[in-house]
Amino acid sequence: MTYDAEELLTQWGRWSRQQVGMPRCTSPSYVLMRDNVEQIGGLPAADITDDEAVLVDRIIARMSQRYPKTAECVVIFYRSDRTLAEVGRIVGEPRLKVREYLIAAKGYVEAYMEMGVAA
């Protein structure tokens, strides 16, 4: 199966923001109401399975051991929907360097997905 790293990272970012701050144990009636009532004005739903998202989490964790600045840029950019300039201010790098980090991260994710090592 082929994966587009950009799309995978985007969906992972959405997935990681969903239900932030929600208790891990939710009542069955809350789940029924949440799933059957239209949600207005929330984040777009992530189009990624939990298994795929956890896989991307693992890949980024491995990336952070070897390339910490790259992983930091990925987490900030995809989890918070900030611009390259904003990410650059946070990590102390120019916008174009952040862009290079993100391009490298996409290659890193694609390589792991193709090798099947992370799977």
PDB file of N, CA and C in Angstrom:
ATOM      1  N   MET A   1       0.844  -1.177   0.000  1.00  0.00           N
ATOM      2  CA  MET A   1       0.000   0.000   0.000  1.00  0.00           C
ATOM      3  C   MET A   1       0.887   1.238   0.000  1.00  0.00           C
ATOM      4  N   THR A   2       0.579   2.207  -0.841  1.00  0.00           N
ATOM      5  CA  THR A   2       1.386   3.417  -0.896  1.00  0.00           C
ATOM      6  C   THR A   2       0.731   4.514  -0.070  1.00  0.00           C
ATOM      7  N   TYR A   3       1.561   5.273   0.596  1.00  0.00           N
ATOM      8  CA  TYR A   3       1.095   6.363   1.435  1.00  0.00           C
ATOM      9  C   TYR A   3       1.720   7.661   0.959  1.00  0.00           C
ATOM     10  N   ASP A   4       0.949   8.726   0.979  1.00  0.00           N
ATOM     11  CA  ASP A   4       1.477  10.051   0.729  1.00  0.00           C
ATOM     12  C   ASP A   4       1.853  10.620   2.094  1.00  0.00           C
ATOM     13  N   ALA A   5       3.128  10.887   2.292  1.00  0.00           N
ATOM     14  CA  ALA A   5       3.612  11.327   3.603  1.00  0.00           C
ATOM     15  C   ALA A   5       2.958  12.633   4.036  1.00  0.00           C
ATOM     16  N   GLU A   6       2.769  13.548   3.102  1.00  0.00           N
ATOM     17  CA  GLU A   6       2.140  14.837   3.433  1.00  0.00           C
ATOM     18  C   GLU A   6       0.738  14.625   3.991  1.00  0.00           C
ATOM     19  N   GLU A   7      -0.044  13.806   3.296  1.00  0.00           N
ATOM     20  CA  GLU A   7      -1.409  13.536   3.737  1.00  0.00           C
ATOM     21  C   GLU A   7      -1.418  12.775   5.061  1.00  0.00           C
ATOM     22  N   LEU A   8      -0.522  11.826   5.197  1.00  0.00           N
ATOM     23  CA  LEU A   8      -0.433  11.050   6.431  1.00  0.00           C
ATOM     24  C   LEU A   8      -0.106  11.952   7.620  1.00  0.00           C
ATOM     25  N   LEU A   9       0.849  12.862   7.448  1.00  0.00           N
ATOM     26  CA  LEU A   9       1.213  13.787   8.526  1.00  0.00           C
ATOM     27  C   LEU A   9       0.075  14.760   8.834  1.00  0.00           C
ATOM     28  N   THR A  10      -0.617  15.216   7.799  1.00  0.00           N
ATOM     29  CA  THR A  10      -1.747  16.123   8.014  1.00  0.00           C
ATOM     30  C   THR A  10      -2.850  15.428   8.805  1.00  0.00           C
ATOM     31  N   GLN A  11      -3.180  14.207   8.411  1.00  0.00           N
ATOM     32  CA  GLN A  11      -4.219  13.458   9.118  1.00  0.00           C
ATOM     33  C   GLN A  11      -3.784  13.115  10.540  1.00  0.00           C
ATOM     34  N   TRP A  12      -2.504  12.802  10.718  1.00  0.00           N
ATOM     35  CA  TRP A  12      -1.977  12.532  12.061  1.00  0.00           C
ATOM     36  C   TRP A  12      -2.131  13.767  12.944  1.00  0.00           C
ATOM     37  N   GLY A  13      -1.837  14.950  12.388  1.00  0.00           N
ATOM     38  CA  GLY A  13      -1.989  16.189  13.148  1.00  0.00           C
ATOM     39  C   GLY A  13      -3.421  16.409  13.589  1.00  0.00           C
ATOM     40  N   ARG A  14      -4.375  16.151  12.691  1.00  0.00           N
ATOM     41  CA  ARG A  14      -5.793  16.278  13.049  1.00  0.00           C
ATOM     42  C   ARG A  14      -6.174  15.256  14.111  1.00  0.00           C
ATOM     43  N   TRP A  15      -5.711  14.024  13.912  1.00  0.00           N
ATOM     44  CA  TRP A  15      -6.020  12.943  14.856  1.00  0.00           C
ATOM     45  C   TRP A  15      -5.497  13.285  16.245  1.00  0.00           C
ATOM     46  N   SER A  16      -4.297  13.837  16.311  1.00  0.00           N
ATOM     47  CA  SER A  16      -3.687  14.116  17.611  1.00  0.00           C
ATOM     48  C   SER A  16      -4.377  15.265  18.339  1.00  0.00           C
ATOM     49  N   ARG A  17      -5.087  16.126  17.600  1.00  0.00           N
ATOM     50  CA  ARG A  17      -5.805  17.240  18.241  1.00  0.00           C
ATOM     51  C   ARG A  17      -7.212  16.860  18.659  1.00  0.00           C
ATOM     52  N   GLN A  18      -7.731  15.789  18.127  1.00  0.00           N
ATOM     53  CA  GLN A  18      -9.094  15.388  18.472  1.00  0.00           C
ATOM     54  C   GLN A  18      -9.135  14.878  19.901  1.00  0.00           C
ATOM     55  N   GLN A  19     -10.144  15.297  20.602  1.00  0.00           N
ATOM     56  CA  GLN A  19     -10.410  14.825  21.955  1.00  0.00           C
ATOM     57  C   GLN A  19      -9.287  15.139  22.929  1.00  0.00           C
ATOM     58  N   VAL A  20      -8.516  16.194  22.656  1.00  0.00           N
ATOM     59  CA  VAL A  20      -7.495  16.617  23.612  1.00  0.00           C
ATOM     60  C   VAL A  20      -8.216  17.160  24.832  1.00  0.00           C
ATOM     61  N   GLY A  21      -7.821  16.705  25.994  1.00  0.00           N
ATOM     62  CA  GLY A  21      -8.456  17.152  27.221  1.00  0.00           C
ATOM     63  C   GLY A  21      -9.688  16.356  27.594  1.00  0.00           C
ATOM     64  N   MET A  22     -10.071  15.411  26.763  1.00  0.00           N
ATOM     65  CA  MET A  22     -11.225  14.581  27.074  1.00  0.00           C
ATOM     66  C   MET A  22     -10.788  13.473  28.024  1.00  0.00           C
ATOM     67  N   PRO A  23     -11.631  13.123  28.959  1.00  0.00           N
ATOM     68  CA  PRO A  23     -11.266  12.017  29.838  1.00  0.00           C
ATOM     69  C   PRO A  23     -11.152  10.720  29.044  1.00  0.00           C
ATOM     70  N   ARG A  24     -10.260   9.856  29.449  1.00  0.00           N
ATOM     71  CA  ARG A  24     -10.054   8.593  28.738  1.00  0.00           C
ATOM     72  C   ARG A  24     -11.250   7.657  28.902  1.00  0.00           C
ATOM     73  N   CYS A  25     -11.957   7.794  29.988  1.00  0.00           N
ATOM     74  CA  CYS A  25     -13.122   6.954  30.232  1.00  0.00           C
ATOM     75  C   CYS A  25     -14.367   7.806  29.990  1.00  0.00           C
ATOM     76  N   THR A  26     -15.113   7.502  28.964  1.00  0.00           N
ATOM     77  CA  THR A  26     -16.320   8.272  28.668  1.00  0.00           C
ATOM     78  C   THR A  26     -17.534   7.378  28.823  1.00  0.00           C
ATOM     79  N   SER A  27     -18.628   7.998  29.185  1.00  0.00           N
ATOM     80  CA  SER A  27     -19.839   7.217  29.406  1.00  0.00           C
ATOM     81  C   SER A  27     -20.426   6.760  28.069  1.00  0.00           C
ATOM     82  N   PRO A  28     -21.068   5.614  28.067  1.00  0.00           N
ATOM     83  CA  PRO A  28     -21.678   5.114  26.831  1.00  0.00           C
ATOM     84  C   PRO A  28     -22.732   6.074  26.270  1.00  0.00           C
ATOM     85  N   SER A  29     -23.480   6.736  27.140  1.00  0.00           N
ATOM     86  CA  SER A  29     -24.506   7.657  26.636  1.00  0.00           C
ATOM     87  C   SER A  29     -23.867   8.872  25.966  1.00  0.00           C
ATOM     88  N   TYR A  30     -22.735   9.345  26.493  1.00  0.00           N
ATOM     89  CA  TYR A  30     -22.031  10.457  25.854  1.00  0.00           C
ATOM     90  C   TYR A  30     -21.552  10.045  24.463  1.00  0.00           C
ATOM     91  N   VAL A  31     -21.007   8.844  24.342  1.00  0.00           N
ATOM     92  CA  VAL A  31     -20.514   8.358  23.053  1.00  0.00           C
ATOM     93  C   VAL A  31     -21.660   8.273  22.047  1.00  0.00           C
ATOM     94  N   LEU A  32     -22.819   7.772  22.467  1.00  0.00           N
ATOM     95  CA  LEU A  32     -23.974   7.691  21.574  1.00  0.00           C
ATOM     96  C   LEU A  32     -24.416   9.074  21.111  1.00  0.00           C
ATOM     97  N   MET A  33     -24.474  10.022  22.042  1.00  0.00           N
ATOM     98  CA  MET A  33     -24.883  11.377  21.670  1.00  0.00           C
ATOM     99  C   MET A  33     -23.858  12.019  20.741  1.00  0.00           C
ATOM    100  N   ARG A  34     -22.592  11.896  21.061  1.00  0.00           N
ATOM    101  CA  ARG A  34     -21.533  12.508  20.258  1.00  0.00           C
ATOM    102  C   ARG A  34     -21.535  11.963  18.833  1.00  0.00           C
ATOM    103  N   ASP A  35     -21.736  10.661  18.697  1.00  0.00           N
ATOM    104  CA  ASP A  35     -21.670  10.041  17.381  1.00  0.00           C
ATOM    105  C   ASP A  35     -22.929  10.249  16.543  1.00  0.00           C
ATOM    106  N   ASN A  36     -24.036  10.620  17.172  1.00  0.00           N
ATOM    107  CA  ASN A  36     -25.295  10.743  16.440  1.00  0.00           C
ATOM    108  C   ASN A  36     -25.814  12.169  16.318  1.00  0.00           C
ATOM    109  N   VAL A  37     -25.076  13.129  16.836  1.00  0.00           N
ATOM    110  CA  VAL A  37     -25.479  14.525  16.730  1.00  0.00           C
ATOM    111  C   VAL A  37     -24.435  15.249  15.895  1.00  0.00           C
ATOM    112  N   GLU A  38     -24.901  16.051  14.942  1.00  0.00           N
ATOM    113  CA  GLU A  38     -23.979  16.777  14.073  1.00  0.00           C
ATOM    114  C   GLU A  38     -23.144  17.757  14.896  1.00  0.00           C
ATOM    115  N   GLN A  39     -21.832  17.714  14.682  1.00  0.00           N
ATOM    116  CA  GLN A  39     -20.916  18.611  15.376  1.00  0.00           C
ATOM    117  C   GLN A  39     -20.718  19.850  14.514  1.00  0.00           C
ATOM    118  N   ILE A  40     -20.943  21.015  15.085  1.00  0.00           N
ATOM    119  CA  ILE A  40     -20.839  22.258  14.333  1.00  0.00           C
ATOM    120  C   ILE A  40     -19.608  23.027  14.785  1.00  0.00           C
ATOM    121  N   GLY A  41     -18.817  23.459  13.818  1.00  0.00           N
ATOM    122  CA  GLY A  41     -17.693  24.342  14.113  1.00  0.00           C
ATOM    123  C   GLY A  41     -16.484  23.682  14.741  1.00  0.00           C
ATOM    124  N   GLY A  42     -16.399  22.400  14.735  1.00  0.00           N
ATOM    125  CA  GLY A  42     -15.248  21.716  15.315  1.00  0.00           C
ATOM    126  C   GLY A  42     -14.151  21.504  14.287  1.00  0.00           C
ATOM    127  N   LEU A  43     -13.145  20.794  14.692  1.00  0.00           N
ATOM    128  CA  LEU A  43     -12.065  20.441  13.778  1.00  0.00           C
ATOM    129  C   LEU A  43     -12.570  19.443  12.745  1.00  0.00           C
ATOM    130  N   PRO A  44     -11.991  19.466  11.547  1.00  0.00           N
ATOM    131  CA  PRO A  44     -12.373  18.429  10.585  1.00  0.00           C
ATOM    132  C   PRO A  44     -11.937  17.060  11.104  1.00  0.00           C
ATOM    133  N   ALA A  45     -12.741  16.080  10.829  1.00  0.00           N
ATOM    134  CA  ALA A  45     -12.431  14.734  11.314  1.00  0.00           C
ATOM    135  C   ALA A  45     -11.195  14.190  10.605  1.00  0.00           C
ATOM    136  N   ALA A  46     -10.395  13.476  11.351  1.00  0.00           N
ATOM    137  CA  ALA A  46      -9.186  12.875  10.785  1.00  0.00           C
ATOM    138  C   ALA A  46      -9.563  11.636   9.986  1.00  0.00           C
ATOM    139  N   ASP A  47      -8.978  11.518   8.816  1.00  0.00           N
ATOM    140  CA  ASP A  47      -9.237  10.374   7.942  1.00  0.00           C
ATOM    141  C   ASP A  47      -8.064   9.408   8.057  1.00  0.00           C
ATOM    142  N   ILE A  48      -7.877   8.893   9.265  1.00  0.00           N
ATOM    143  CA  ILE A  48      -6.755   8.003   9.554  1.00  0.00           C
ATOM    144  C   ILE A  48      -7.197   7.053  10.656  1.00  0.00           C
ATOM    145  N   THR A  49      -6.766   5.824  10.572  1.00  0.00           N
ATOM    146  CA  THR A  49      -7.112   4.872  11.626  1.00  0.00           C
ATOM    147  C   THR A  49      -6.202   5.097  12.827  1.00  0.00           C
ATOM    148  N   ASP A  50      -6.623   4.608  13.965  1.00  0.00           N
ATOM    149  CA  ASP A  50      -5.793   4.734  15.163  1.00  0.00           C
ATOM    150  C   ASP A  50      -4.456   4.020  14.978  1.00  0.00           C
ATOM    151  N   ASP A  51      -4.485   2.876  14.315  1.00  0.00           N
ATOM    152  CA  ASP A  51      -3.241   2.133  14.093  1.00  0.00           C
ATOM    153  C   ASP A  51      -2.263   2.921  13.235  1.00  0.00           C
ATOM    154  N   GLU A  52      -2.771   3.552  12.175  1.00  0.00           N
ATOM    155  CA  GLU A  52      -1.898   4.361  11.320  1.00  0.00           C
ATOM    156  C   GLU A  52      -1.359   5.569  12.074  1.00  0.00           C
ATOM    157  N   ALA A  53      -2.213   6.193  12.887  1.00  0.00           N
ATOM    158  CA  ALA A  53      -1.777   7.367  13.644  1.00  0.00           C
ATOM    159  C   ALA A  53      -0.715   7.001  14.676  1.00  0.00           C
ATOM    160  N   VAL A  54      -0.887   5.877  15.340  1.00  0.00           N
ATOM    161  CA  VAL A  54       0.117   5.433  16.307  1.00  0.00           C
ATOM    162  C   VAL A  54       1.421   5.091  15.586  1.00  0.00           C
ATOM    163  N   LEU A  55       1.315   4.549  14.397  1.00  0.00           N
ATOM    164  CA  LEU A  55       2.495   4.263  13.586  1.00  0.00           C
ATOM    165  C   LEU A  55       3.252   5.551  13.264  1.00  0.00           C
ATOM    166  N   VAL A  56       2.537   6.591  12.858  1.00  0.00           N
ATOM    167  CA  VAL A  56       3.175   7.882  12.584  1.00  0.00           C
ATOM    168  C   VAL A  56       3.790   8.437  13.866  1.00  0.00           C
ATOM    169  N   ASP A  57       3.101   8.282  14.986  1.00  0.00           N
ATOM    170  CA  ASP A  57       3.660   8.697  16.282  1.00  0.00           C
ATOM    171  C   ASP A  57       5.008   8.026  16.536  1.00  0.00           C
ATOM    172  N   ARG A  58       5.061   6.725  16.284  1.00  0.00           N
ATOM    173  CA  ARG A  58       6.318   5.992  16.492  1.00  0.00           C
ATOM    174  C   ARG A  58       7.420   6.489  15.567  1.00  0.00           C
ATOM    175  N   ILE A  59       7.062   6.756  14.319  1.00  0.00           N
ATOM    176  CA  ILE A  59       8.055   7.251  13.363  1.00  0.00           C
ATOM    177  C   ILE A  59       8.602   8.599  13.824  1.00  0.00           C
ATOM    178  N   ILE A  60       7.727   9.471  14.297  1.00  0.00           N
ATOM    179  CA  ILE A  60       8.174  10.790  14.758  1.00  0.00           C
ATOM    180  C   ILE A  60       8.992  10.663  16.036  1.00  0.00           C
ATOM    181  N   ALA A  61       8.654   9.717  16.892  1.00  0.00           N
ATOM    182  CA  ALA A  61       9.459   9.491  18.099  1.00  0.00           C
ATOM    183  C   ALA A  61      10.870   9.040  17.731  1.00  0.00           C
ATOM    184  N   ARG A  62      10.976   8.162  16.742  1.00  0.00           N
ATOM    185  CA  ARG A  62      12.304   7.740  16.275  1.00  0.00           C
ATOM    186  C   ARG A  62      13.053   8.906  15.648  1.00  0.00           C
ATOM    187  N   MET A  63      12.332   9.716  14.897  1.00  0.00           N
ATOM    188  CA  MET A  63      12.939  10.887  14.270  1.00  0.00           C
ATOM    189  C   MET A  63      13.486  11.839  15.333  1.00  0.00           C
ATOM    190  N   SER A  64      12.762  11.986  16.431  1.00  0.00           N
ATOM    191  CA  SER A  64      13.197  12.926  17.473  1.00  0.00           C
ATOM    192  C   SER A  64      14.475  12.479  18.165  1.00  0.00           C
ATOM    193  N   GLN A  65      14.756  11.186  18.156  1.00  0.00           N
ATOM    194  CA  GLN A  65      15.999  10.705  18.751  1.00  0.00           C
ATOM    195  C   GLN A  65      17.203  11.085  17.908  1.00  0.00           C
ATOM    196  N   ARG A  66      17.028  11.068  16.603  1.00  0.00           N
ATOM    197  CA  ARG A  66      18.150  11.336  15.712  1.00  0.00           C
ATOM    198  C   ARG A  66      18.161  12.766  15.181  1.00  0.00           C
ATOM    199  N   TYR A  67      16.983  13.299  14.904  1.00  0.00           N
ATOM    200  CA  TYR A  67      16.852  14.649  14.347  1.00  0.00           C
ATOM    201  C   TYR A  67      15.835  15.442  15.174  1.00  0.00           C
ATOM    202  N   PRO A  68      16.217  15.881  16.364  1.00  0.00           N
ATOM    203  CA  PRO A  68      15.245  16.517  17.262  1.00  0.00           C
ATOM    204  C   PRO A  68      14.610  17.792  16.704  1.00  0.00           C
ATOM    205  N   LYS A  69      15.380  18.614  16.016  1.00  0.00           N
ATOM    206  CA  LYS A  69      14.830  19.866  15.477  1.00  0.00           C
ATOM    207  C   LYS A  69      13.798  19.576  14.386  1.00  0.00           C
ATOM    208  N   THR A  70      14.064  18.570  13.581  1.00  0.00           N
ATOM    209  CA  THR A  70      13.117  18.186  12.529  1.00  0.00           C
ATOM    210  C   THR A  70      11.807  17.703  13.147  1.00  0.00           C
ATOM    211  N   ALA A  71      11.895  16.848  14.144  1.00  0.00           N
ATOM    212  CA  ALA A  71      10.695  16.331  14.800  1.00  0.00           C
ATOM    213  C   ALA A  71       9.923  17.452  15.489  1.00  0.00           C
ATOM    214  N   GLU A  72      10.640  18.385  16.091  1.00  0.00           N
ATOM    215  CA  GLU A  72       9.983  19.514  16.752  1.00  0.00           C
ATOM    216  C   GLU A  72       9.197  20.349  15.737  1.00  0.00           C
ATOM    217  N   CYS A  73       9.790  20.603  14.588  1.00  0.00           N
ATOM    218  CA  CYS A  73       9.103  21.362  13.536  1.00  0.00           C
ATOM    219  C   CYS A  73       7.860  20.622  13.047  1.00  0.00           C
ATOM    220  N   VAL A  74       7.966  19.314  12.875  1.00  0.00           N
ATOM    221  CA  VAL A  74       6.829  18.508  12.417  1.00  0.00           C
ATOM    222  C   VAL A  74       5.684  18.590  13.420  1.00  0.00           C
ATOM    223  N   VAL A  75       5.996  18.403  14.683  1.00  0.00           N
ATOM    224  CA  VAL A  75       4.956  18.414  15.712  1.00  0.00           C
ATOM    225  C   VAL A  75       4.275  19.779  15.769  1.00  0.00           C
ATOM    226  N   ILE A  76       5.051  20.839  15.773  1.00  0.00           N
ATOM    227  CA  ILE A  76       4.456  22.175  15.856  1.00  0.00           C
ATOM    228  C   ILE A  76       3.636  22.485  14.607  1.00  0.00           C
ATOM    229  N   PHE A  77       4.181  22.200  13.439  1.00  0.00           N
ATOM    230  CA  PHE A  77       3.513  22.550  12.184  1.00  0.00           C
ATOM    231  C   PHE A  77       2.215  21.770  11.989  1.00  0.00           C
ATOM    232  N   TYR A  78       2.249  20.475  12.162  1.00  0.00           N
ATOM    233  CA  TYR A  78       1.072  19.660  11.857  1.00  0.00           C
ATOM    234  C   TYR A  78       0.059  19.603  12.994  1.00  0.00           C
ATOM    235  N   ARG A  79       0.495  19.763  14.228  1.00  0.00           N
ATOM    236  CA  ARG A  79      -0.455  19.684  15.334  1.00  0.00           C
ATOM    237  C   ARG A  79      -1.125  21.011  15.639  1.00  0.00           C
ATOM    238  N   SER A  80      -0.496  22.119  15.231  1.00  0.00           N
ATOM    239  CA  SER A  80      -1.078  23.407  15.605  1.00  0.00           C
ATOM    240  C   SER A  80      -1.520  24.252  14.421  1.00  0.00           C
ATOM    241  N   ASP A  81      -1.314  23.786  13.196  1.00  0.00           N
ATOM    242  CA  ASP A  81      -1.688  24.535  11.992  1.00  0.00           C
ATOM    243  C   ASP A  81      -1.085  25.939  11.967  1.00  0.00           C
ATOM    244  N   ARG A  82       0.158  26.050  12.350  1.00  0.00           N
ATOM    245  CA  ARG A  82       0.857  27.337  12.287  1.00  0.00           C
ATOM    246  C   ARG A  82       1.539  27.481  10.939  1.00  0.00           C
ATOM    247  N   THR A  83       1.880  28.723  10.589  1.00  0.00           N
ATOM    248  CA  THR A  83       2.602  28.972   9.343  1.00  0.00           C
ATOM    249  C   THR A  83       4.078  28.642   9.541  1.00  0.00           C
ATOM    250  N   LEU A  84       4.808  28.566   8.433  1.00  0.00           N
ATOM    251  CA  LEU A  84       6.246  28.294   8.522  1.00  0.00           C
ATOM    252  C   LEU A  84       6.960  29.378   9.318  1.00  0.00           C
ATOM    253  N   ALA A  85       6.556  30.626   9.129  1.00  0.00           N
ATOM    254  CA  ALA A  85       7.190  31.729   9.858  1.00  0.00           C
ATOM    255  C   ALA A  85       6.937  31.610  11.361  1.00  0.00           C
ATOM    256  N   GLU A  86       5.723  31.238  11.745  1.00  0.00           N
ATOM    257  CA  GLU A  86       5.405  31.078  13.169  1.00  0.00           C
ATOM    258  C   GLU A  86       6.195  29.923  13.777  1.00  0.00           C
ATOM    259  N   VAL A  87       6.290  28.828  13.051  1.00  0.00           N
ATOM    260  CA  VAL A  87       7.083  27.690  13.535  1.00  0.00           C
ATOM    261  C   VAL A  87       8.540  28.114  13.679  1.00  0.00           C
ATOM    262  N   GLY A  88       9.035  28.865  12.701  1.00  0.00           N
ATOM    263  CA  GLY A  88      10.410  29.352  12.753  1.00  0.00           C
ATOM    264  C   GLY A  88      10.678  30.200  13.981  1.00  0.00           C
ATOM    265  N   ARG A  89       9.743  31.070  14.333  1.00  0.00           N
ATOM    266  CA  ARG A  89       9.905  31.891  15.536  1.00  0.00           C
ATOM    267  C   ARG A  89       9.950  31.029  16.792  1.00  0.00           C
ATOM    268  N   ILE A  90       9.138  29.999  16.830  1.00  0.00           N
ATOM    269  CA  ILE A  90       9.086  29.128  18.012  1.00  0.00           C
ATOM    270  C   ILE A  90      10.385  28.343  18.176  1.00  0.00           C
ATOM    271  N   VAL A  91      10.903  27.795  17.079  1.00  0.00           N
ATOM    272  CA  VAL A  91      12.104  26.951  17.164  1.00  0.00           C
ATOM    273  C   VAL A  91      13.399  27.727  16.966  1.00  0.00           C
ATOM    274  N   GLY A  92      13.293  29.021  16.645  1.00  0.00           N
ATOM    275  CA  GLY A  92      14.485  29.843  16.483  1.00  0.00           C
ATOM    276  C   GLY A  92      15.225  29.628  15.177  1.00  0.00           C
ATOM    277  N   GLU A  93      14.491  29.325  14.129  1.00  0.00           N
ATOM    278  CA  GLU A  93      15.075  29.099  12.803  1.00  0.00           C
ATOM    279  C   GLU A  93      14.331  29.952  11.782  1.00  0.00           C
ATOM    280  N   PRO A  94      14.993  30.299  10.669  1.00  0.00           N
ATOM    281  CA  PRO A  94      14.273  31.026   9.617  1.00  0.00           C
ATOM    282  C   PRO A  94      13.225  30.139   8.937  1.00  0.00           C
ATOM    283  N   ARG A  95      12.268  30.786   8.326  1.00  0.00           N
ATOM    284  CA  ARG A  95      11.149  30.096   7.687  1.00  0.00           C
ATOM    285  C   ARG A  95      11.606  29.073   6.648  1.00  0.00           C
ATOM    286  N   LEU A  96      12.611  29.422   5.866  1.00  0.00           N
ATOM    287  CA  LEU A  96      13.078  28.501   4.825  1.00  0.00           C
ATOM    288  C   LEU A  96      13.774  27.275   5.416  1.00  0.00           C
ATOM    289  N   LYS A  97      14.429  27.439   6.554  1.00  0.00           N
ATOM    290  CA  LYS A  97      15.055  26.290   7.222  1.00  0.00           C
ATOM    291  C   LYS A  97      13.964  25.340   7.749  1.00  0.00           C
ATOM    292  N   VAL A  98      12.892  25.917   8.278  1.00  0.00           N
ATOM    293  CA  VAL A  98      11.762  25.099   8.741  1.00  0.00           C
ATOM    294  C   VAL A  98      11.190  24.312   7.567  1.00  0.00           C
ATOM    295  N   ARG A  99      11.077  24.960   6.413  1.00  0.00           N
ATOM    296  CA  ARG A  99      10.583  24.279   5.213  1.00  0.00           C
ATOM    297  C   ARG A  99      11.478  23.093   4.864  1.00  0.00           C
ATOM    298  N   GLU A 100      12.795  23.284   4.957  1.00  0.00           N
ATOM    299  CA  GLU A 100      13.734  22.189   4.686  1.00  0.00           C
ATOM    300  C   GLU A 100      13.553  21.049   5.681  1.00  0.00           C
ATOM    301  N   TYR A 101      13.356  21.393   6.955  1.00  0.00           N
ATOM    302  CA  TYR A 101      13.115  20.363   7.971  1.00  0.00           C
ATOM    303  C   TYR A 101      11.862  19.556   7.637  1.00  0.00           C
ATOM    304  N   LEU A 102      10.802  20.237   7.216  1.00  0.00           N
ATOM    305  CA  LEU A 102       9.551  19.542   6.906  1.00  0.00           C
ATOM    306  C   LEU A 102       9.685  18.657   5.669  1.00  0.00           C
ATOM    307  N   ILE A 103      10.430  19.116   4.683  1.00  0.00           N
ATOM    308  CA  ILE A 103      10.672  18.290   3.495  1.00  0.00           C
ATOM    309  C   ILE A 103      11.465  17.045   3.881  1.00  0.00           C
ATOM    310  N   ALA A 104      12.471  17.227   4.732  1.00  0.00           N
ATOM    311  CA  ALA A 104      13.264  16.084   5.196  1.00  0.00           C
ATOM    312  C   ALA A 104      12.398  15.107   5.990  1.00  0.00           C
ATOM    313  N   ALA A 105      11.496  15.646   6.805  1.00  0.00           N
ATOM    314  CA  ALA A 105      10.615  14.794   7.608  1.00  0.00           C
ATOM    315  C   ALA A 105       9.693  13.967   6.719  1.00  0.00           C
ATOM    316  N   LYS A 106       9.178  14.568   5.656  1.00  0.00           N
ATOM    317  CA  LYS A 106       8.314  13.820   4.730  1.00  0.00           C
ATOM    318  C   LYS A 106       9.086  12.665   4.102  1.00  0.00           C
ATOM    319  N   GLY A 107      10.325  12.921   3.724  1.00  0.00           N
ATOM    320  CA  GLY A 107      11.160  11.855   3.174  1.00  0.00           C
ATOM    321  C   GLY A 107      11.416  10.761   4.189  1.00  0.00           C
ATOM    322  N   TYR A 108      11.631  11.149   5.440  1.00  0.00           N
ATOM    323  CA  TYR A 108      11.872  10.199   6.526  1.00  0.00           C
ATOM    324  C   TYR A 108      10.648   9.295   6.718  1.00  0.00           C
ATOM    325  N   VAL A 109       9.472   9.913   6.750  1.00  0.00           N
ATOM    326  CA  VAL A 109       8.233   9.147   6.937  1.00  0.00           C
ATOM    327  C   VAL A 109       8.001   8.216   5.748  1.00  0.00           C
ATOM    328  N   GLU A 110       8.193   8.721   4.534  1.00  0.00           N
ATOM    329  CA  GLU A 110       8.013   7.880   3.345  1.00  0.00           C
ATOM    330  C   GLU A 110       8.966   6.695   3.350  1.00  0.00           C
ATOM    331  N   ALA A 111      10.207   6.938   3.752  1.00  0.00           N
ATOM    332  CA  ALA A 111      11.193   5.856   3.786  1.00  0.00           C
ATOM    333  C   ALA A 111      10.772   4.767   4.765  1.00  0.00           C
ATOM    334  N   TYR A 112      10.327   5.161   5.958  1.00  0.00           N
ATOM    335  CA  TYR A 112       9.882   4.165   6.936  1.00  0.00           C
ATOM    336  C   TYR A 112       8.657   3.406   6.441  1.00  0.00           C
ATOM    337  N   MET A 113       7.736   4.109   5.803  1.00  0.00           N
ATOM    338  CA  MET A 113       6.531   3.445   5.320  1.00  0.00           C
ATOM    339  C   MET A 113       6.862   2.465   4.193  1.00  0.00           C
ATOM    340  N   GLU A 114       7.775   2.837   3.309  1.00  0.00           N
ATOM    341  CA  GLU A 114       8.144   1.951   2.201  1.00  0.00           C
ATOM    342  C   GLU A 114       8.931   0.739   2.677  1.00  0.00           C
ATOM    343  N   MET A 115       9.804   0.957   3.654  1.00  0.00           N
ATOM    344  CA  MET A 115      10.604  -0.164   4.158  1.00  0.00           C
ATOM    345  C   MET A 115       9.756  -1.138   4.954  1.00  0.00           C
ATOM    346  N   GLY A 116       8.673  -0.644   5.516  1.00  0.00           N
ATOM    347  CA  GLY A 116       7.838  -1.503   6.330  1.00  0.00           C
ATOM    348  C   GLY A 116       8.428  -1.774   7.695  1.00  0.00           C
ATOM    349  N   VAL A 117       9.504  -1.063   8.041  1.00  0.00           N
ATOM    350  CA  VAL A 117      10.147  -1.257   9.341  1.00  0.00           C
ATOM    351  C   VAL A 117       9.217  -0.820  10.452  1.00  0.00           C
ATOM    352  N   ALA A 118       8.511   0.272  10.233  1.00  0.00           N
ATOM    353  CA  ALA A 118       7.641   0.791  11.275  1.00  0.00           C
ATOM    354  C   ALA A 118       6.367  -0.025  11.414  1.00  0.00           C
ATOM    355  N   ALA A 119       6.015  -0.771  10.411  1.00  0.00           N
ATOM    356  CA  ALA A 119       4.761  -1.520  10.437  1.00  0.00           C
ATOM    357  C   ALA A 119       4.867  -2.781  11.172  1.00  0.00           C
TER     358      ALA A 119
END
